[in-house]
Amino acid sequence: MRDDRELRFVKGHGTGNDFVVLPDPDGDLELTPELVRALCDRRTGIGADGVLRVVLAAAAPEAAAPAGAGTARWFMDYRNADGSIAEMCGNGARVFARYLVAAGYAQPGRFPIATRAGLRLVDVPAVGDVTVDMGVPRPGASAGAPVTVAGRSFTAAPVSMGNPHAVCFADDLDAAALARLDLTRPPTFSPVDFPDGVNVEIVVDRPGGVAMRVYERGVGETSSCGTGACAVAVAWARRQGLRPDAPLAAPRSGSAAVSGLGPVVAAAAAGSAVEVAVDVPGGGLVVIWRSDTVLLRGPAELVFDGVVRPAALAARGPRVPTDAAGVADAAEVLDAGVDVRF
């Protein structure tokens, strides 16, 4: 028997890291890995780096698991494009929060959301960038773990932002050389070092901050990664001898970027916060490392909404639609006049 359900969705992105947002307040949707993969397929589905299911925390058993998450009204159920479950997504949290306000589920301002990594406070203005309180960074379990990515070997700096990251500093490259690296192949690492897999960032210094590219577990290379930007900022600041709760230390010897980091150095010297501008292929993010938490600030855009028929996605298989009618059979865009910002 054909499944003729229709699912409403919203497409959103944060610095090019894009998501299918599925409103499911009562938790009625069975979000299978197969459905997630079909939705995220860029040829036969909507296309995205992941899925954000919007569900009331009271209707999501997972929301009660992380410490403190039970105080939030809404739970962010995040899935990677391959269908796997992920603990946290910084860009996704901003898009999720922007959707809650746009849909009337929350008022502009500061409010909590529940994630598998715990409670996250978001600050959503009526217009402008969204800020997420990303929590306290944790050192990874495998300091100095070897990682190979883009044909290069690195000694990674592991950082956890609720999910695992391996930060790799390419001191011999500039931003232009970073952009030329081939990240089509997945990184290699020891499963002993990263038993749950790991997100891998390659980082270079640039005037005023850093630039990065990222290979996300369960997705591949993406235009941006919010938790990755936070991990990079923390690892980079530690390398420079900058900490939010200590006087300014001597910068790392040989750093080409320190002379261009006036605002960062001044903030660290004040002993209050370290602010790092992080360039990603999809735009720019600002990470503010305080003694008690890390804040992530950046854009969150909702670009169009519609309905999708899962049965049409499943029936299509690997065939690439060749005409407008074929595309409309899988996903019908309801708001043709929306300003698409990709």
C-alpha atoms as a PDB file:
ATOM      1  CA  MET A   1       0.000   0.000   0.000  1.00  0.00           C
ATOM      2  CA  ARG A   2       1.403   3.381  -1.046  1.00  0.00           C
ATOM      3  CA  ASP A   3       2.323   5.817   1.706  1.00  0.00           C
ATOM      4  CA  ASP A   4       0.738   9.112   0.644  1.00  0.00           C
ATOM      5  CA  ARG A   5       1.853  11.134   3.658  1.00  0.00           C
ATOM      6  CA  GLU A   6       2.977  14.680   3.105  1.00  0.00           C
ATOM      7  CA  LEU A   7       5.604  16.199   5.369  1.00  0.00           C
ATOM      8  CA  ARG A   8       5.962  19.930   5.735  1.00  0.00           C
ATOM      9  CA  PHE A   9       9.535  21.159   5.710  1.00  0.00           C
ATOM     10  CA  VAL A  10      11.571  24.342   5.804  1.00  0.00           C
ATOM     11  CA  LYS A  11      14.982  24.668   4.189  1.00  0.00           C
ATOM     12  CA  GLY A  12      17.533  26.699   6.120  1.00  0.00           C
ATOM     13  CA  HIS A  13      21.265  27.256   6.373  1.00  0.00           C
ATOM     14  CA  GLY A  14      23.965  28.827   8.498  1.00  0.00           C
ATOM     15  CA  THR A  15      27.010  29.976   6.476  1.00  0.00           C
ATOM     16  CA  GLY A  16      26.128  27.422   3.802  1.00  0.00           C
ATOM     17  CA  ASN A  17      25.744  24.481   6.199  1.00  0.00           C
ATOM     18  CA  ASP A  18      22.210  23.550   5.122  1.00  0.00           C
ATOM     19  CA  PHE A  19      19.388  21.667   6.783  1.00  0.00           C
ATOM     20  CA  VAL A  20      15.923  20.285   6.216  1.00  0.00           C
ATOM     21  CA  VAL A  21      13.792  21.436   9.170  1.00  0.00           C
ATOM     22  CA  LEU A  22      10.881  19.081   9.951  1.00  0.00           C
ATOM     23  CA  PRO A  23       8.205  20.456  12.313  1.00  0.00           C
ATOM     24  CA  ASP A  24       7.010  17.506  14.442  1.00  0.00           C
ATOM     25  CA  PRO A  25       5.840  19.019  17.756  1.00  0.00           C
ATOM     26  CA  ASP A  26       4.112  15.883  19.062  1.00  0.00           C
ATOM     27  CA  GLY A  27       6.845  13.466  18.005  1.00  0.00           C
ATOM     28  CA  ASP A  28       4.618  11.517  15.606  1.00  0.00           C
ATOM     29  CA  LEU A  29       7.170  11.183  12.804  1.00  0.00           C
ATOM     30  CA  GLU A  30       9.283   8.041  12.577  1.00  0.00           C
ATOM     31  CA  LEU A  31      12.502   9.609  11.343  1.00  0.00           C
ATOM     32  CA  THR A  32      14.329   6.573   9.982  1.00  0.00           C
ATOM     33  CA  PRO A  33      17.887   6.665   8.607  1.00  0.00           C
ATOM     34  CA  GLU A  34      16.444   5.818   5.195  1.00  0.00           C
ATOM     35  CA  LEU A  35      14.116   8.826   5.274  1.00  0.00           C
ATOM     36  CA  VAL A  36      16.920  11.124   6.402  1.00  0.00           C
ATOM     37  CA  ARG A  37      19.171   9.960   3.574  1.00  0.00           C
ATOM     38  CA  ALA A  38      16.365  10.422   1.037  1.00  0.00           C
ATOM     39  CA  LEU A  39      15.584  13.938   2.248  1.00  0.00           C
ATOM     40  CA  CYS A  40      19.250  14.962   2.200  1.00  0.00           C
ATOM     41  CA  ASP A  41      19.998  13.529  -1.252  1.00  0.00           C
ATOM     42  CA  ARG A  42      20.951  16.506  -3.434  1.00  0.00           C
ATOM     43  CA  ARG A  43      19.809  14.871  -6.672  1.00  0.00           C
ATOM     44  CA  THR A  44      16.618  13.037  -5.776  1.00  0.00           C
ATOM     45  CA  GLY A  45      15.577  14.711  -2.522  1.00  0.00           C
ATOM     46  CA  ILE A  46      15.535  18.203  -1.060  1.00  0.00           C
ATOM     47  CA  GLY A  47      19.276  18.225  -0.445  1.00  0.00           C
ATOM     48  CA  ALA A  48      20.984  19.076   2.850  1.00  0.00           C
ATOM     49  CA  ASP A  49      23.867  18.357   5.200  1.00  0.00           C
ATOM     50  CA  GLY A  50      21.406  17.141   7.828  1.00  0.00           C
ATOM     51  CA  VAL A  51      17.877  17.091   9.214  1.00  0.00           C
ATOM     52  CA  LEU A  52      16.570  19.098  12.183  1.00  0.00           C
ATOM     53  CA  ARG A  53      13.393  17.624  13.659  1.00  0.00           C
ATOM     54  CA  VAL A  54      11.515  20.163  15.790  1.00  0.00           C
ATOM     55  CA  VAL A  55       9.809  18.303  18.633  1.00  0.00           C
ATOM     56  CA  LEU A  56       8.489  19.261  22.051  1.00  0.00           C
ATOM     57  CA  ALA A  57      10.908  18.099  24.732  1.00  0.00           C
ATOM     58  CA  ALA A  58       8.008  16.440  26.558  1.00  0.00           C
ATOM     59  CA  ALA A  59       7.406  14.261  23.486  1.00  0.00           C
ATOM     60  CA  ALA A  60      11.068  13.293  23.013  1.00  0.00           C
ATOM     61  CA  PRO A  61      12.493  10.727  25.449  1.00  0.00           C
ATOM     62  CA  GLU A  62      16.015  11.681  24.330  1.00  0.00           C
ATOM     63  CA  ALA A  63      15.515  15.213  25.631  1.00  0.00           C
ATOM     64  CA  ALA A  64      15.574  14.068  29.246  1.00  0.00           C
ATOM     65  CA  ALA A  65      18.903  12.261  28.951  1.00  0.00           C
ATOM     66  CA  PRO A  66      21.473  15.120  28.945  1.00  0.00           C
ATOM     67  CA  ALA A  67      21.930  17.011  32.180  1.00  0.00           C
ATOM     68  CA  GLY A  68      19.778  20.119  32.293  1.00  0.00           C
ATOM     69  CA  ALA A  69      18.042  19.489  28.971  1.00  0.00           C
ATOM     70  CA  GLY A  70      14.685  18.888  30.631  1.00  0.00           C
ATOM     71  CA  THR A  71      14.227  22.616  31.329  1.00  0.00           C
ATOM     72  CA  ALA A  72      13.805  23.447  27.633  1.00  0.00           C
ATOM     73  CA  ARG A  73      10.465  23.437  25.821  1.00  0.00           C
ATOM     74  CA  TRP A  74      11.877  22.285  22.472  1.00  0.00           C
ATOM     75  CA  PHE A  75      14.235  19.453  21.554  1.00  0.00           C
ATOM     76  CA  MET A  76      16.537  19.615  18.526  1.00  0.00           C
ATOM     77  CA  ASP A  77      16.660  16.125  17.020  1.00  0.00           C
ATOM     78  CA  TYR A  78      19.633  16.389  14.680  1.00  0.00           C
ATOM     79  CA  ARG A  79      20.579  13.738  12.107  1.00  0.00           C
ATOM     80  CA  ASN A  80      23.560  13.694   9.762  1.00  0.00           C
ATOM     81  CA  ALA A  81      22.985  13.295   6.031  1.00  0.00           C
ATOM     82  CA  ASP A  82      23.856   9.586   6.218  1.00  0.00           C
ATOM     83  CA  GLY A  83      21.040   9.036   8.716  1.00  0.00           C
ATOM     84  CA  SER A  84      23.251   8.750  11.785  1.00  0.00           C
ATOM     85  CA  ILE A  85      22.350  10.504  15.030  1.00  0.00           C
ATOM     86  CA  ALA A  86      24.556  13.402  16.129  1.00  0.00           C
ATOM     87  CA  GLU A  87      24.935  14.992  19.544  1.00  0.00           C
ATOM     88  CA  MET A  88      25.114  18.626  18.538  1.00  0.00           C
ATOM     89  CA  CYS A  89      25.385  21.015  15.592  1.00  0.00           C
ATOM     90  CA  GLY A  90      26.206  24.678  16.131  1.00  0.00           C
ATOM     91  CA  ASN A  91      24.993  25.940  12.758  1.00  0.00           C
ATOM     92  CA  GLY A  92      21.955  23.693  13.086  1.00  0.00           C
ATOM     93  CA  ALA A  93      21.159  25.122  16.520  1.00  0.00           C
ATOM     94  CA  ARG A  94      21.089  28.647  15.073  1.00  0.00           C
ATOM     95  CA  VAL A  95      18.795  27.589  12.217  1.00  0.00           C
ATOM     96  CA  PHE A  96      16.620  25.625  14.666  1.00  0.00           C
ATOM     97  CA  ALA A  97      16.298  28.674  16.928  1.00  0.00           C
ATOM     98  CA  ARG A  98      15.555  31.000  14.014  1.00  0.00           C
ATOM     99  CA  TYR A  99      12.811  28.611  12.883  1.00  0.00           C
ATOM    100  CA  LEU A 100      11.212  28.539  16.359  1.00  0.00           C
ATOM    101  CA  VAL A 101      10.902  32.324  16.302  1.00  0.00           C
ATOM    102  CA  ALA A 102       9.725  32.491  12.682  1.00  0.00           C
ATOM    103  CA  ALA A 103       7.068  29.831  13.332  1.00  0.00           C
ATOM    104  CA  GLY A 104       5.799  31.568  16.474  1.00  0.00           C
ATOM    105  CA  TYR A 105       6.969  28.783  18.785  1.00  0.00           C
ATOM    106  CA  ALA A 106       9.255  31.220  20.633  1.00  0.00           C
ATOM    107  CA  GLN A 107       9.613  34.969  20.983  1.00  0.00           C
ATOM    108  CA  PRO A 108      12.747  36.854  19.902  1.00  0.00           C
ATOM    109  CA  GLY A 109      15.269  36.951  22.702  1.00  0.00           C
ATOM    110  CA  ARG A 110      17.069  34.420  24.836  1.00  0.00           C
ATOM    111  CA  PHE A 111      15.665  30.935  25.458  1.00  0.00           C
ATOM    112  CA  PRO A 112      16.919  27.362  25.954  1.00  0.00           C
ATOM    113  CA  ILE A 113      16.754  24.431  23.574  1.00  0.00           C
ATOM    114  CA  ALA A 114      17.446  20.800  24.414  1.00  0.00           C
ATOM    115  CA  THR A 115      20.009  18.795  22.439  1.00  0.00           C
ATOM    116  CA  ARG A 116      21.660  15.422  22.891  1.00  0.00           C
ATOM    117  CA  ALA A 117      24.712  17.314  24.150  1.00  0.00           C
ATOM    118  CA  GLY A 118      22.672  19.055  26.847  1.00  0.00           C
ATOM    119  CA  LEU A 119      20.925  22.372  27.305  1.00  0.00           C
ATOM    120  CA  ARG A 120      21.926  25.170  24.926  1.00  0.00           C
ATOM    121  CA  LEU A 121      20.875  28.804  25.372  1.00  0.00           C
ATOM    122  CA  VAL A 122      20.215  30.745  22.180  1.00  0.00           C
ATOM    123  CA  ASP A 123      19.814  34.468  21.599  1.00  0.00           C
ATOM    124  CA  VAL A 124      17.645  35.241  18.572  1.00  0.00           C
ATOM    125  CA  PRO A 125      17.100  38.895  17.632  1.00  0.00           C
ATOM    126  CA  ALA A 126      14.216  39.835  15.377  1.00  0.00           C
ATOM    127  CA  VAL A 127      16.801  40.584  12.685  1.00  0.00           C
ATOM    128  CA  GLY A 128      20.479  39.688  12.523  1.00  0.00           C
ATOM    129  CA  ASP A 129      22.896  37.030  13.669  1.00  0.00           C
ATOM    130  CA  VAL A 130      21.940  34.321  16.143  1.00  0.00           C
ATOM    131  CA  THR A 131      24.160  33.458  19.127  1.00  0.00           C
ATOM    132  CA  VAL A 132      24.337  30.009  20.720  1.00  0.00           C
ATOM    133  CA  ASP A 133      25.850  29.221  24.105  1.00  0.00           C
ATOM    134  CA  MET A 134      27.811  26.112  23.127  1.00  0.00           C
ATOM    135  CA  GLY A 135      28.888  25.064  26.610  1.00  0.00           C
ATOM    136  CA  VAL A 136      32.306  24.330  28.040  1.00  0.00           C
ATOM    137  CA  PRO A 137      34.934  22.910  25.664  1.00  0.00           C
ATOM    138  CA  ARG A 138      36.520  19.660  26.757  1.00  0.00           C
ATOM    139  CA  PRO A 139      39.919  18.324  25.766  1.00  0.00           C
ATOM    140  CA  GLY A 140      39.636  15.191  23.672  1.00  0.00           C
ATOM    141  CA  ALA A 141      40.711  11.855  25.061  1.00  0.00           C
ATOM    142  CA  SER A 142      43.505  11.315  22.515  1.00  0.00           C
ATOM    143  CA  ALA A 143      45.861  14.288  22.631  1.00  0.00           C
ATOM    144  CA  GLY A 144      48.305  14.269  19.741  1.00  0.00           C
ATOM    145  CA  ALA A 145      46.393  11.626  17.792  1.00  0.00           C
ATOM    146  CA  PRO A 146      47.609  11.129  14.199  1.00  0.00           C
ATOM    147  CA  VAL A 147      45.107  12.049  11.486  1.00  0.00           C
ATOM    148  CA  THR A 148      45.531  11.936   7.715  1.00  0.00           C
ATOM    149  CA  VAL A 149      43.348  14.221   5.620  1.00  0.00           C
ATOM    150  CA  ALA A 150      43.721  15.752   2.144  1.00  0.00           C
ATOM    151  CA  GLY A 151      46.792  13.581   1.620  1.00  0.00           C
ATOM    152  CA  ARG A 152      48.603  15.175   4.557  1.00  0.00           C
ATOM    153  CA  SER A 153      49.461  13.799   7.990  1.00  0.00           C
ATOM    154  CA  PHE A 154      48.797  15.827  11.113  1.00  0.00           C
ATOM    155  CA  THR A 155      49.122  15.537  14.855  1.00  0.00           C
ATOM    156  CA  ALA A 156      45.613  16.605  15.778  1.00  0.00           C
ATOM    157  CA  ALA A 157      44.438  18.651  18.741  1.00  0.00           C
ATOM    158  CA  PRO A 158      41.268  16.889  19.954  1.00  0.00           C
ATOM    159  CA  VAL A 159      38.483  19.079  21.342  1.00  0.00           C
ATOM    160  CA  SER A 160      34.946  18.105  22.322  1.00  0.00           C
ATOM    161  CA  MET A 161      32.095  20.579  21.933  1.00  0.00           C
ATOM    162  CA  GLY A 162      29.537  17.925  22.822  1.00  0.00           C
ATOM    163  CA  ASN A 163      30.747  16.083  19.720  1.00  0.00           C
ATOM    164  CA  PRO A 164      34.322  15.082  18.828  1.00  0.00           C
ATOM    165  CA  HIS A 165      36.705  17.204  16.757  1.00  0.00           C
ATOM    166  CA  ALA A 166      40.286  16.737  15.584  1.00  0.00           C
ATOM    167  CA  VAL A 167      41.819  20.137  14.827  1.00  0.00           C
ATOM    168  CA  CYS A 168      44.744  19.998  12.390  1.00  0.00           C
ATOM    169  CA  PHE A 169      46.978  23.065  11.981  1.00  0.00           C
ATOM    170  CA  ALA A 170      48.573  23.465   8.533  1.00  0.00           C
ATOM    171  CA  ASP A 171      51.295  25.940   9.455  1.00  0.00           C
ATOM    172  CA  ASP A 172      52.889  25.806   5.995  1.00  0.00           C
ATOM    173  CA  LEU A 173      49.717  26.853   4.139  1.00  0.00           C
ATOM    174  CA  ASP A 174      47.875  30.116   3.640  1.00  0.00           C
ATOM    175  CA  ALA A 175      44.144  30.547   3.013  1.00  0.00           C
ATOM    176  CA  ALA A 176      44.542  30.257  -0.768  1.00  0.00           C
ATOM    177  CA  ALA A 177      46.439  26.981  -0.461  1.00  0.00           C
ATOM    178  CA  LEU A 178      43.867  25.717   2.036  1.00  0.00           C
ATOM    179  CA  ALA A 179      41.115  26.328  -0.521  1.00  0.00           C
ATOM    180  CA  ARG A 180      42.934  24.152  -3.070  1.00  0.00           C
ATOM    181  CA  LEU A 181      43.156  21.047  -0.880  1.00  0.00           C
ATOM    182  CA  ASP A 182      41.201  17.989  -1.999  1.00  0.00           C
ATOM    183  CA  LEU A 183      38.819  16.944   0.783  1.00  0.00           C
ATOM    184  CA  THR A 184      36.784  14.497  -1.279  1.00  0.00           C
ATOM    185  CA  ARG A 185      38.267  11.487   0.493  1.00  0.00           C
ATOM    186  CA  PRO A 186      37.386  10.838   4.138  1.00  0.00           C
ATOM    187  CA  PRO A 187      40.139  11.331   6.712  1.00  0.00           C
ATOM    188  CA  THR A 188      41.834   8.326   8.265  1.00  0.00           C
ATOM    189  CA  PHE A 189      42.531   7.859  11.961  1.00  0.00           C
ATOM    190  CA  SER A 190      42.713   5.108  14.535  1.00  0.00           C
ATOM    191  CA  PRO A 191      39.358   3.937  15.910  1.00  0.00           C
ATOM    192  CA  VAL A 192      41.177   3.523  19.205  1.00  0.00           C
ATOM    193  CA  ASP A 193      41.718   7.295  19.276  1.00  0.00           C
ATOM    194  CA  PHE A 194      38.225   8.156  18.020  1.00  0.00           C
ATOM    195  CA  PRO A 195      35.882   5.207  18.643  1.00  0.00           C
ATOM    196  CA  ASP A 196      32.779   7.225  17.696  1.00  0.00           C
ATOM    197  CA  GLY A 197      34.363   8.802  14.643  1.00  0.00           C
ATOM    198  CA  VAL A 198      35.471  12.415  14.510  1.00  0.00           C
ATOM    199  CA  ASN A 199      34.972  15.691  12.666  1.00  0.00           C
ATOM    200  CA  VAL A 200      38.266  16.860  11.180  1.00  0.00           C
ATOM    201  CA  GLU A 201      39.201  20.516  10.664  1.00  0.00           C
ATOM    202  CA  ILE A 202      42.213  21.855   8.738  1.00  0.00           C
ATOM    203  CA  VAL A 203      43.193  25.319   9.955  1.00  0.00           C
ATOM    204  CA  VAL A 204      45.460  28.117   8.739  1.00  0.00           C
ATOM    205  CA  ASP A 205      46.257  31.517  10.208  1.00  0.00           C
ATOM    206  CA  ARG A 206      44.962  34.606   8.452  1.00  0.00           C
ATOM    207  CA  PRO A 207      45.074  38.300   9.383  1.00  0.00           C
ATOM    208  CA  GLY A 208      42.465  38.863  12.061  1.00  0.00           C
ATOM    209  CA  GLY A 209      41.770  35.225  12.874  1.00  0.00           C
ATOM    210  CA  VAL A 210      41.809  31.820  11.220  1.00  0.00           C
ATOM    211  CA  ALA A 211      40.398  30.042   8.175  1.00  0.00           C
ATOM    212  CA  MET A 212      39.235  26.437   8.215  1.00  0.00           C
ATOM    213  CA  ARG A 213      37.780  23.638   6.140  1.00  0.00           C
ATOM    214  CA  VAL A 214      35.993  20.675   7.661  1.00  0.00           C
ATOM    215  CA  TYR A 215      35.170  17.068   6.897  1.00  0.00           C
ATOM    216  CA  GLU A 216      32.169  16.132   9.029  1.00  0.00           C
ATOM    217  CA  ARG A 217      31.583  12.559  10.106  1.00  0.00           C
ATOM    218  CA  GLY A 218      28.480  11.147   8.490  1.00  0.00           C
ATOM    219  CA  VAL A 219      28.347  13.967   5.929  1.00  0.00           C
ATOM    220  CA  GLY A 220      31.632  14.748   4.165  1.00  0.00           C
ATOM    221  CA  GLU A 221      33.040  18.194   3.527  1.00  0.00           C
ATOM    222  CA  THR A 222      30.575  20.953   4.376  1.00  0.00           C
ATOM    223  CA  SER A 223      30.637  24.700   3.815  1.00  0.00           C
ATOM    224  CA  SER A 224      30.685  25.308   7.556  1.00  0.00           C
ATOM    225  CA  CYS A 225      30.585  23.584  10.939  1.00  0.00           C
ATOM    226  CA  GLY A 226      29.608  25.537  14.038  1.00  0.00           C
ATOM    227  CA  THR A 227      30.943  23.132  16.643  1.00  0.00           C
ATOM    228  CA  GLY A 228      34.052  22.789  14.478  1.00  0.00           C
ATOM    229  CA  ALA A 229      34.564  26.558  14.456  1.00  0.00           C
ATOM    230  CA  CYS A 230      34.334  26.545  18.260  1.00  0.00           C
ATOM    231  CA  ALA A 231      36.808  23.671  18.551  1.00  0.00           C
ATOM    232  CA  VAL A 232      39.176  25.436  16.156  1.00  0.00           C
ATOM    233  CA  ALA A 233      38.983  28.739  18.049  1.00  0.00           C
ATOM    234  CA  VAL A 234      39.698  27.063  21.385  1.00  0.00           C
ATOM    235  CA  ALA A 235      42.574  24.955  20.037  1.00  0.00           C
ATOM    236  CA  TRP A 236      44.045  27.934  18.193  1.00  0.00           C
ATOM    237  CA  ALA A 237      43.825  30.222  21.236  1.00  0.00           C
ATOM    238  CA  ARG A 238      45.526  27.614  23.421  1.00  0.00           C
ATOM    239  CA  ARG A 239      48.316  27.400  20.863  1.00  0.00           C
ATOM    240  CA  GLN A 240      48.789  31.159  21.076  1.00  0.00           C
ATOM    241  CA  GLY A 241      48.890  31.097  24.870  1.00  0.00           C
ATOM    242  CA  LEU A 242      45.530  32.880  25.053  1.00  0.00           C
ATOM    243  CA  ARG A 243      43.012  31.853  27.707  1.00  0.00           C
ATOM    244  CA  PRO A 244      39.905  33.679  28.902  1.00  0.00           C
ATOM    245  CA  ASP A 245      40.684  33.221  32.589  1.00  0.00           C
ATOM    246  CA  ALA A 246      44.381  34.096  32.585  1.00  0.00           C
ATOM    247  CA  PRO A 247      46.618  37.091  31.819  1.00  0.00           C
ATOM    248  CA  LEU A 248      47.963  37.341  28.294  1.00  0.00           C
ATOM    249  CA  ALA A 249      50.733  34.830  27.710  1.00  0.00           C
ATOM    250  CA  ALA A 250      53.454  34.971  25.082  1.00  0.00           C
ATOM    251  CA  PRO A 251      52.147  34.008  21.645  1.00  0.00           C
ATOM    252  CA  ARG A 252      53.326  30.804  20.012  1.00  0.00           C
ATOM    253  CA  SER A 253      56.741  31.315  18.483  1.00  0.00           C
ATOM    254  CA  GLY A 254      56.677  31.820  14.738  1.00  0.00           C
ATOM    255  CA  SER A 255      52.984  32.589  14.442  1.00  0.00           C
ATOM    256  CA  ALA A 256      52.318  34.673  11.357  1.00  0.00           C
ATOM    257  CA  ALA A 257      48.930  35.816  12.553  1.00  0.00           C
ATOM    258  CA  VAL A 258      49.516  37.367  15.957  1.00  0.00           C
ATOM    259  CA  SER A 259      50.469  40.781  14.595  1.00  0.00           C
ATOM    260  CA  GLY A 260      47.053  41.039  12.946  1.00  0.00           C
ATOM    261  CA  LEU A 261      45.041  40.017  15.969  1.00  0.00           C
ATOM    262  CA  GLY A 262      44.660  43.246  17.889  1.00  0.00           C
ATOM    263  CA  PRO A 263      41.050  42.689  19.074  1.00  0.00           C
ATOM    264  CA  VAL A 264      41.747  39.084  20.029  1.00  0.00           C
ATOM    265  CA  VAL A 265      44.872  39.897  22.004  1.00  0.00           C
ATOM    266  CA  ALA A 266      43.184  42.827  23.748  1.00  0.00           C
ATOM    267  CA  ALA A 267      40.270  40.684  24.810  1.00  0.00           C
ATOM    268  CA  ALA A 268      42.569  38.030  26.184  1.00  0.00           C
ATOM    269  CA  ALA A 269      44.635  40.593  28.024  1.00  0.00           C
ATOM    270  CA  ALA A 270      41.526  41.794  29.785  1.00  0.00           C
ATOM    271  CA  GLY A 271      41.084  38.300  31.153  1.00  0.00           C
ATOM    272  CA  SER A 272      37.408  38.212  30.191  1.00  0.00           C
ATOM    273  CA  ALA A 273      37.077  36.492  26.833  1.00  0.00           C
ATOM    274  CA  VAL A 274      38.976  35.458  23.744  1.00  0.00           C
ATOM    275  CA  GLU A 275      37.165  36.387  20.536  1.00  0.00           C
ATOM    276  CA  VAL A 276      38.233  34.680  17.317  1.00  0.00           C
ATOM    277  CA  ALA A 277      36.936  35.332  13.807  1.00  0.00           C
ATOM    278  CA  VAL A 278      36.695  32.041  11.910  1.00  0.00           C
ATOM    279  CA  ASP A 279      36.407  32.024   8.124  1.00  0.00           C
ATOM    280  CA  VAL A 280      34.656  29.003   6.606  1.00  0.00           C
ATOM    281  CA  PRO A 281      33.941  28.385   2.903  1.00  0.00           C
ATOM    282  CA  GLY A 282      30.336  29.502   3.453  1.00  0.00           C
ATOM    283  CA  GLY A 283      31.101  32.785   5.216  1.00  0.00           C
ATOM    284  CA  GLY A 284      32.262  34.016   8.603  1.00  0.00           C
ATOM    285  CA  LEU A 285      31.572  33.051  12.215  1.00  0.00           C
ATOM    286  CA  VAL A 286      32.606  34.627  15.502  1.00  0.00           C
ATOM    287  CA  VAL A 287      33.579  32.458  18.460  1.00  0.00           C
ATOM    288  CA  ILE A 288      33.823  33.984  21.942  1.00  0.00           C
ATOM    289  CA  TRP A 289      35.598  31.779  24.480  1.00  0.00           C
ATOM    290  CA  ARG A 290      34.782  32.794  28.047  1.00  0.00           C
ATOM    291  CA  SER A 291      35.937  31.145  31.232  1.00  0.00           C
ATOM    292  CA  ASP A 292      32.544  29.508  31.717  1.00  0.00           C
ATOM    293  CA  THR A 293      31.428  28.745  28.152  1.00  0.00           C
ATOM    294  CA  VAL A 294      31.911  29.233  24.415  1.00  0.00           C
ATOM    295  CA  LEU A 295      29.561  31.440  22.384  1.00  0.00           C
ATOM    296  CA  LEU A 296      29.015  30.993  18.644  1.00  0.00           C
ATOM    297  CA  ARG A 297      27.605  33.893  16.623  1.00  0.00           C
ATOM    298  CA  GLY A 298      26.615  33.827  12.975  1.00  0.00           C
ATOM    299  CA  PRO A 299      23.814  34.058  10.413  1.00  0.00           C
ATOM    300  CA  ALA A 300      20.823  31.708  10.247  1.00  0.00           C
ATOM    301  CA  GLU A 301      18.618  31.899   7.162  1.00  0.00           C
ATOM    302  CA  LEU A 302      15.300  30.245   6.297  1.00  0.00           C
ATOM    303  CA  VAL A 303      15.128  30.176   2.502  1.00  0.00           C
ATOM    304  CA  PHE A 304      11.987  28.283   1.456  1.00  0.00           C
ATOM    305  CA  ASP A 305       9.276  25.919   2.677  1.00  0.00           C
ATOM    306  CA  GLY A 306       7.122  23.221   1.116  1.00  0.00           C
ATOM    307  CA  VAL A 307       5.827  19.683   1.388  1.00  0.00           C
ATOM    308  CA  VAL A 308       7.603  16.465   0.530  1.00  0.00           C
ATOM    309  CA  ARG A 309       6.107  13.048  -0.165  1.00  0.00           C
ATOM    310  CA  PRO A 310       8.377  10.317   1.240  1.00  0.00           C
ATOM    311  CA  ALA A 311       6.810   7.737  -1.092  1.00  0.00           C
ATOM    312  CA  ALA A 312       7.913   9.766  -4.110  1.00  0.00           C
ATOM    313  CA  LEU A 313      11.425   9.978  -2.735  1.00  0.00           C
ATOM    314  CA  ALA A 314      11.562   6.228  -2.155  1.00  0.00           C
ATOM    315  CA  ALA A 315      10.152   5.428  -5.596  1.00  0.00           C
ATOM    316  CA  ARG A 316      12.609   7.681  -7.369  1.00  0.00           C
ATOM    317  CA  GLY A 317      15.679   5.754  -6.266  1.00  0.00           C
ATOM    318  CA  PRO A 318      18.961   6.895  -7.809  1.00  0.00           C
ATOM    319  CA  ARG A 319      17.407   8.365 -10.965  1.00  0.00           C
ATOM    320  CA  VAL A 320      18.238  12.030 -11.477  1.00  0.00           C
ATOM    321  CA  PRO A 321      15.127  14.086 -12.383  1.00  0.00           C
ATOM    322  CA  THR A 322      15.523  15.738 -15.783  1.00  0.00           C
ATOM    323  CA  ASP A 323      12.567  18.106 -15.877  1.00  0.00           C
ATOM    324  CA  ALA A 324      10.617  20.437 -13.632  1.00  0.00           C
ATOM    325  CA  ALA A 325       7.672  18.051 -13.416  1.00  0.00           C
ATOM    326  CA  GLY A 326       9.913  15.296 -12.118  1.00  0.00           C
ATOM    327  CA  VAL A 327      11.325  17.524  -9.420  1.00  0.00           C
ATOM    328  CA  ALA A 328       7.861  18.694  -8.383  1.00  0.00           C
ATOM    329  CA  ASP A 329       6.752  15.085  -7.911  1.00  0.00           C
ATOM    330  CA  ALA A 330       9.214  14.741  -5.033  1.00  0.00           C
ATOM    331  CA  ALA A 331       9.016  18.172  -3.444  1.00  0.00           C
ATOM    332  CA  GLU A 332       6.444  20.884  -4.048  1.00  0.00           C
ATOM    333  CA  VAL A 333       7.611  24.350  -3.128  1.00  0.00           C
ATOM    334  CA  LEU A 334       4.685  26.231  -1.625  1.00  0.00           C
ATOM    335  CA  ASP A 335       6.149  29.701  -1.411  1.00  0.00           C
ATOM    336  CA  ALA A 336       7.441  30.509  -4.888  1.00  0.00           C
ATOM    337  CA  GLY A 337       8.093  34.132  -3.979  1.00  0.00           C
ATOM    338  CA  VAL A 338      10.556  33.480  -1.185  1.00  0.00           C
ATOM    339  CA  ASP A 339      13.956  35.136  -1.339  1.00  0.00           C
ATOM    340  CA  VAL A 340      16.425  32.276  -1.763  1.00  0.00           C
ATOM    341  CA  ARG A 341      19.756  33.393  -0.343  1.00  0.00           C
ATOM    342  CA  PHE A 342      22.066  30.526  -1.315  1.00  0.00           C
END
